[in-house]
Amino acid sequence: MWNNFKLVVSRRVVTSVCYSMVFENNVCGHYHISTAGLWGWRTFSHSPEKAHVSPQARPRSVRSAPPWRVMFFGTDEFALQSLKLLAESSKHNSSERVVDKLEVVTLLKELPVRTFANQNKLPVHDWPHVDPGEQFDVGVVVSFGSLLREDLIRRFPYGILNVHPSLLPRWRGPAPVFHTVLNADTVTGVTVMQIRPKRFDVGPVLSQELFPVPKNCTAEQLGASLATMGAEMLIHTLKNLPERIANRREQSKEGATFGKAPVRSVWTLNWSIVLELYTGMFV
């Protein structure tokens, strides 16, 4: 429920908003409406410091097709859905296998991602002590809450992908699902993008799909649906990663909004009551 809302604070800075997800009896449903027809695929040129890692940062042997060697950065239930599909893909013994090697980076505390990694015997690295060396092709970050430094991003030949639960550039920042519900948005979605250093959620888009927000849907239910949708989009993106990168598009400069994490005076409220009052205005 909304009263399960809490903030994760690290070094006196709010890093992310976590919420209890409801994956059973999910009333949100699951819709996939591709935006390829809306945006089309276009090729963009970018300066090396913005979109591509430098040739010097590439390992001696760079794969041109899956299966990939993946380093995953994540923490909570939303991130867990993507990690589960990556782990499942790594076990396939067919040409459909997307992941060859999978290791996990997470915070030094008991979180859903760490628990799953330990249970499935995946190597775990404690943030921020991470050195991927030249052992990985691509990074994936989902609901991690910490900016990744530029030299770390450049260690991955295909950069680091991010699964974000909004139609970027709308609702950049740590609480997109919260602000989607609070602002009574009727449509949201998931964006898979390449991250850039120094700023959250501003990188080029590799994949984006729409999701109609069901009436009276809670943040937990919406978050659960978007987590499942985002995990599937991530796998599809990895299947054709070089092509997706070649056809990436910059985010629009129009319509950008930033969803700040709720302050303490807000998130200590009984959100189930607030939601009833708020959504009642639009019934």
Protein backbone atom coordinates (compact mmCIF):
# COMPACT_ATOMS: atom_id res chain seq x y z
CA MET A 1 0.00 0.00 0.00
CA TRP A 2 1.01 3.65 -0.19
CA ASN A 3 1.66 3.69 3.53
CA ASN A 4 4.61 1.42 2.77
CA PHE A 5 6.27 4.35 1.00
CA LYS A 6 9.79 5.05 2.27
CA LEU A 7 12.93 6.85 1.24
CA VAL A 8 16.38 5.37 0.90
CA VAL A 9 18.96 7.87 2.12
CA SER A 10 22.69 7.50 1.57
CA ARG A 11 25.33 9.94 2.81
CA ARG A 12 22.67 12.50 3.68
CA VAL A 13 21.42 12.61 0.10
CA VAL A 14 18.14 11.11 -1.03
CA THR A 15 19.10 8.50 -3.59
CA SER A 16 15.90 6.71 -4.45
CA VAL A 17 12.31 6.07 -3.53
CA CYS A 18 11.40 2.48 -2.75
CA TYR A 19 7.92 1.10 -2.39
CA SER A 20 6.44 -2.28 -1.73
CA MET A 21 5.31 -3.81 -4.99
CA VAL A 22 2.28 -6.03 -5.39
CA PHE A 23 2.99 -8.69 -7.98
CA GLU A 24 0.07 -10.93 -7.06
CA ASN A 25 -3.46 -10.02 -8.12
CA ASN A 26 -2.19 -7.12 -10.14
CA VAL A 27 -5.15 -5.14 -11.41
CA CYS A 28 -3.16 -2.90 -13.67
CA GLY A 29 -2.99 -5.31 -16.56
CA HIS A 30 -0.16 -5.22 -19.05
CA TYR A 31 -0.26 -3.36 -22.35
CA HIS A 32 2.46 -2.95 -24.97
CA ILE A 33 2.07 -0.13 -27.45
CA SER A 34 5.27 0.47 -29.34
CA THR A 35 6.25 4.05 -30.06
CA ALA A 36 8.29 3.06 -33.10
CA GLY A 37 5.43 4.18 -35.30
CA LEU A 38 5.29 7.52 -33.51
CA TRP A 39 8.97 8.34 -33.42
CA GLY A 40 10.39 6.24 -36.24
CA TRP A 41 13.99 5.19 -36.04
CA ARG A 42 16.60 7.80 -36.82
CA THR A 43 20.35 7.84 -36.63
CA PHE A 44 22.05 10.58 -34.68
CA SER A 45 25.66 11.65 -34.39
CA HIS A 46 26.98 12.42 -30.93
CA SER A 47 30.26 13.67 -29.60
CA PRO A 48 32.32 10.85 -28.02
CA GLU A 49 32.12 12.29 -24.54
CA LYS A 50 28.33 12.22 -24.58
CA ALA A 51 27.10 9.05 -26.17
CA HIS A 52 29.88 6.66 -27.09
CA VAL A 53 32.76 5.36 -25.05
CA SER A 54 36.16 6.08 -26.52
CA PRO A 55 37.93 3.41 -28.56
CA GLN A 56 40.70 3.39 -25.95
CA ALA A 57 38.17 2.21 -23.35
CA ARG A 58 37.15 -0.82 -25.39
CA PRO A 59 38.49 -4.20 -24.33
CA ARG A 60 40.72 -6.06 -26.74
CA SER A 61 37.89 -8.33 -27.81
CA VAL A 62 34.50 -6.66 -28.33
CA ARG A 63 31.54 -8.86 -29.13
CA SER A 64 29.28 -7.79 -31.98
CA ALA A 65 26.28 -9.93 -31.01
CA PRO A 66 24.81 -11.71 -27.99
CA PRO A 67 25.27 -13.45 -25.66
CA TRP A 68 26.66 -10.51 -23.71
CA ARG A 69 28.75 -10.24 -20.57
CA VAL A 70 26.57 -8.08 -18.32
CA MET A 71 27.18 -6.22 -15.05
CA PHE A 72 23.89 -5.35 -13.34
CA PHE A 73 23.38 -2.44 -10.92
CA GLY A 74 20.17 -2.51 -8.84
CA THR A 75 18.56 -2.60 -5.41
CA ASP A 76 14.81 -3.03 -5.04
CA GLU A 77 11.79 -5.02 -6.26
CA PHE A 78 11.52 -2.97 -9.44
CA ALA A 79 15.12 -3.82 -10.34
CA LEU A 80 14.64 -7.45 -9.36
CA GLN A 81 12.31 -8.17 -12.29
CA SER A 82 15.01 -7.20 -14.81
CA LEU A 83 17.65 -9.19 -12.94
CA LYS A 84 15.44 -12.29 -12.94
CA LEU A 85 15.02 -12.22 -16.73
CA LEU A 86 18.74 -11.63 -17.25
CA ALA A 87 19.55 -14.58 -14.98
CA GLU A 88 17.01 -16.75 -16.78
CA SER A 89 18.49 -15.81 -20.14
CA SER A 90 21.98 -16.77 -18.98
CA LYS A 91 20.80 -20.36 -18.41
CA HIS A 92 19.56 -20.94 -21.95
CA ASN A 93 21.62 -23.28 -24.10
CA SER A 94 20.26 -22.09 -27.42
CA SER A 95 20.91 -19.40 -29.98
CA GLU A 96 18.29 -17.31 -28.15
CA ARG A 97 20.58 -16.83 -25.16
CA VAL A 98 21.14 -13.11 -24.51
CA VAL A 99 23.44 -13.25 -21.47
CA ASP A 100 26.69 -15.18 -21.23
CA LYS A 101 28.04 -13.79 -17.96
CA LEU A 102 26.14 -11.95 -15.21
CA GLU A 103 27.44 -10.22 -12.09
CA VAL A 104 25.64 -7.87 -9.70
CA VAL A 105 26.45 -4.56 -8.04
CA THR A 106 24.28 -3.44 -5.13
CA LEU A 107 24.34 -1.56 -1.83
CA LEU A 108 25.84 -3.10 1.28
CA LYS A 109 22.56 -4.10 2.92
CA GLU A 110 19.93 -6.78 2.59
CA LEU A 111 17.91 -5.77 -0.45
CA PRO A 112 15.83 -7.83 -2.91
CA VAL A 113 18.57 -7.75 -5.56
CA ARG A 114 21.27 -8.91 -3.14
CA THR A 115 19.04 -11.66 -1.75
CA PHE A 116 18.25 -12.99 -5.22
CA ALA A 117 21.89 -12.83 -6.32
CA ASN A 118 23.06 -14.77 -3.27
CA GLN A 119 20.31 -17.37 -3.65
CA ASN A 120 21.25 -17.91 -7.29
CA LYS A 121 25.01 -17.83 -6.69
CA LEU A 122 25.62 -14.73 -8.80
CA PRO A 123 28.84 -12.83 -8.00
CA VAL A 124 28.02 -9.71 -5.95
CA HIS A 125 30.04 -6.47 -5.75
CA ASP A 126 29.47 -3.95 -2.94
CA TRP A 127 28.93 -0.40 -4.19
CA PRO A 128 31.00 1.75 -4.64
CA HIS A 129 33.93 -0.70 -4.77
CA VAL A 130 33.48 -1.75 -8.39
CA ASP A 131 36.09 -2.46 -11.05
CA PRO A 132 34.69 -4.27 -14.10
CA GLY A 133 38.10 -4.32 -15.77
CA GLU A 134 37.74 -5.52 -19.37
CA GLN A 135 35.45 -8.43 -18.56
CA PHE A 136 32.04 -7.01 -19.60
CA ASP A 137 30.35 -5.84 -22.79
CA VAL A 138 27.49 -3.80 -21.33
CA GLY A 139 26.19 -2.55 -18.00
CA VAL A 140 22.55 -2.42 -16.93
CA VAL A 141 21.29 -0.13 -14.16
CA VAL A 142 17.74 -0.33 -12.79
CA SER A 143 16.45 1.59 -9.77
CA PHE A 144 19.94 2.04 -8.34
CA GLY A 145 19.75 5.61 -7.05
CA SER A 146 23.44 6.55 -7.43
CA LEU A 147 25.12 8.40 -10.26
CA LEU A 148 27.75 6.27 -11.98
CA ARG A 149 31.05 8.01 -12.63
CA GLU A 150 32.21 8.62 -16.18
CA ASP A 151 35.31 6.43 -16.01
CA LEU A 152 33.11 3.50 -14.91
CA ILE A 153 30.66 4.02 -17.78
CA ARG A 154 33.56 4.05 -20.25
CA ARG A 155 34.66 0.60 -19.13
CA PHE A 156 31.72 -0.93 -21.01
CA PRO A 157 32.06 -1.04 -24.82
CA TYR A 158 28.27 -0.62 -25.27
CA GLY A 159 27.87 1.74 -22.33
CA ILE A 160 25.38 1.25 -19.50
CA LEU A 161 21.65 0.83 -20.17
CA ASN A 162 18.96 2.11 -17.83
CA VAL A 163 15.37 0.87 -17.48
CA HIS A 164 13.27 3.86 -16.35
CA PRO A 165 9.50 3.68 -15.56
CA SER A 166 8.29 6.75 -17.42
CA LEU A 167 8.09 8.19 -20.92
CA LEU A 168 11.26 10.26 -20.75
CA PRO A 169 11.76 13.17 -20.73
CA ARG A 170 8.64 13.24 -18.54
CA TRP A 171 9.35 12.36 -14.90
CA ARG A 172 13.08 12.18 -14.79
CA GLY A 173 14.41 11.58 -11.30
CA PRO A 174 13.95 9.14 -8.41
CA ALA A 175 10.15 8.91 -8.14
CA PRO A 176 8.52 8.60 -11.60
CA VAL A 177 5.77 6.16 -10.57
CA PHE A 178 4.85 8.27 -7.56
CA HIS A 179 4.48 11.41 -9.67
CA THR A 180 2.62 9.59 -12.44
CA VAL A 181 -0.11 8.61 -9.97
CA LEU A 182 -0.05 11.86 -8.00
CA ASN A 183 -0.54 13.91 -11.17
CA ALA A 184 -3.27 11.60 -12.51
CA ASP A 185 -1.37 10.90 -15.74
CA THR A 186 -3.49 8.73 -18.03
CA VAL A 187 -0.53 7.37 -19.99
CA THR A 188 2.95 6.41 -18.85
CA GLY A 189 5.45 3.83 -20.05
CA VAL A 190 9.00 2.54 -19.86
CA THR A 191 12.16 3.90 -21.45
CA VAL A 192 15.38 1.98 -22.07
CA MET A 193 18.22 4.45 -22.52
CA GLN A 194 22.00 4.80 -22.38
CA ILE A 195 23.09 6.67 -19.28
CA ARG A 196 25.36 9.69 -19.24
CA PRO A 197 27.52 10.88 -16.37
CA LYS A 198 26.70 13.71 -13.94
CA ARG A 199 22.92 13.82 -14.57
CA PHE A 200 20.08 11.35 -14.12
CA ASP A 201 17.84 10.22 -17.01
CA VAL A 202 19.12 12.44 -19.83
CA GLY A 203 20.74 9.92 -22.17
CA PRO A 204 19.65 8.79 -25.65
CA VAL A 205 16.63 6.50 -25.96
CA LEU A 206 17.06 2.98 -27.35
CA SER A 207 13.51 1.76 -26.75
CA GLN A 208 10.29 3.26 -25.42
CA GLU A 209 6.79 1.83 -25.02
CA LEU A 210 3.50 3.29 -23.81
CA PHE A 211 1.39 1.97 -20.94
CA PRO A 212 -2.17 3.29 -20.34
CA VAL A 213 -2.61 3.92 -16.61
CA PRO A 214 -5.71 2.02 -15.40
CA LYS A 215 -8.30 3.95 -13.42
CA ASN A 216 -7.71 3.91 -9.65
CA CYS A 217 -4.39 2.10 -10.09
CA THR A 218 -2.08 2.39 -7.06
CA ALA A 219 1.64 3.10 -7.24
CA GLU A 220 2.43 -0.45 -6.14
CA GLN A 221 0.30 -1.97 -8.88
CA LEU A 222 1.54 0.42 -11.55
CA GLY A 223 5.13 -0.11 -10.48
CA ALA A 224 4.73 -3.88 -10.67
CA SER A 225 3.33 -3.70 -14.21
CA LEU A 226 6.07 -1.35 -15.38
CA ALA A 227 8.76 -3.55 -13.79
CA THR A 228 7.57 -6.57 -15.77
CA MET A 229 7.23 -4.52 -18.95
CA GLY A 230 10.67 -2.95 -18.49
CA ALA A 231 12.36 -6.32 -17.94
CA GLU A 232 10.93 -7.66 -21.19
CA MET A 233 11.94 -4.50 -23.06
CA LEU A 234 15.48 -4.84 -21.71
CA ILE A 235 15.83 -8.37 -23.08
CA HIS A 236 14.46 -7.30 -26.48
CA THR A 237 16.91 -4.37 -26.54
CA LEU A 238 19.87 -6.62 -25.72
CA LYS A 239 18.91 -9.02 -28.52
CA ASN A 240 19.56 -6.25 -31.07
CA LEU A 241 21.86 -3.98 -29.07
CA PRO A 242 24.24 -2.72 -31.80
CA GLU A 243 21.28 -1.86 -34.04
CA ARG A 244 19.43 -0.13 -31.19
CA ILE A 245 22.49 1.95 -30.38
CA ALA A 246 23.01 2.89 -34.03
CA ASN A 247 19.41 4.10 -34.21
CA ARG A 248 19.13 5.75 -30.79
CA ARG A 249 17.50 9.15 -30.52
CA GLU A 250 18.11 12.07 -28.23
CA GLN A 251 15.40 12.96 -25.74
CA SER A 252 13.17 15.87 -26.65
CA LYS A 253 13.98 19.20 -25.04
CA GLU A 254 10.26 19.83 -24.67
CA GLY A 255 8.05 18.30 -22.02
CA ALA A 256 10.85 17.48 -19.59
CA THR A 257 9.76 17.22 -15.95
CA PHE A 258 11.64 16.14 -12.83
CA GLY A 259 9.95 14.06 -10.14
CA LYS A 260 11.55 14.94 -6.84
CA ALA A 261 11.51 12.44 -4.00
CA PRO A 262 8.69 13.28 -1.55
CA VAL A 263 9.87 15.17 1.53
CA ARG A 264 9.37 13.62 4.96
CA SER A 265 6.30 15.76 5.75
CA VAL A 266 4.64 14.20 2.68
CA TRP A 267 5.70 10.57 2.74
CA THR A 268 4.72 9.97 6.36
CA LEU A 269 1.06 10.50 5.48
CA ASN A 270 -1.36 7.62 5.08
CA TRP A 271 -1.16 7.46 1.30
CA SER A 272 -4.06 5.07 0.87
CA ILE A 273 -6.37 7.77 2.24
CA VAL A 274 -4.74 10.54 0.21
CA LEU A 275 -5.08 8.51 -2.97
CA GLU A 276 -8.79 7.90 -2.37
CA LEU A 277 -9.40 11.62 -1.91
CA TYR A 278 -7.26 12.55 -4.91
CA THR A 279 -8.56 10.02 -7.40
CA GLY A 280 -12.12 10.70 -6.28
CA MET A 281 -11.83 14.12 -7.86
CA PHE A 282 -11.40 12.49 -11.29
CA VAL A 283 -13.98 9.70 -11.14
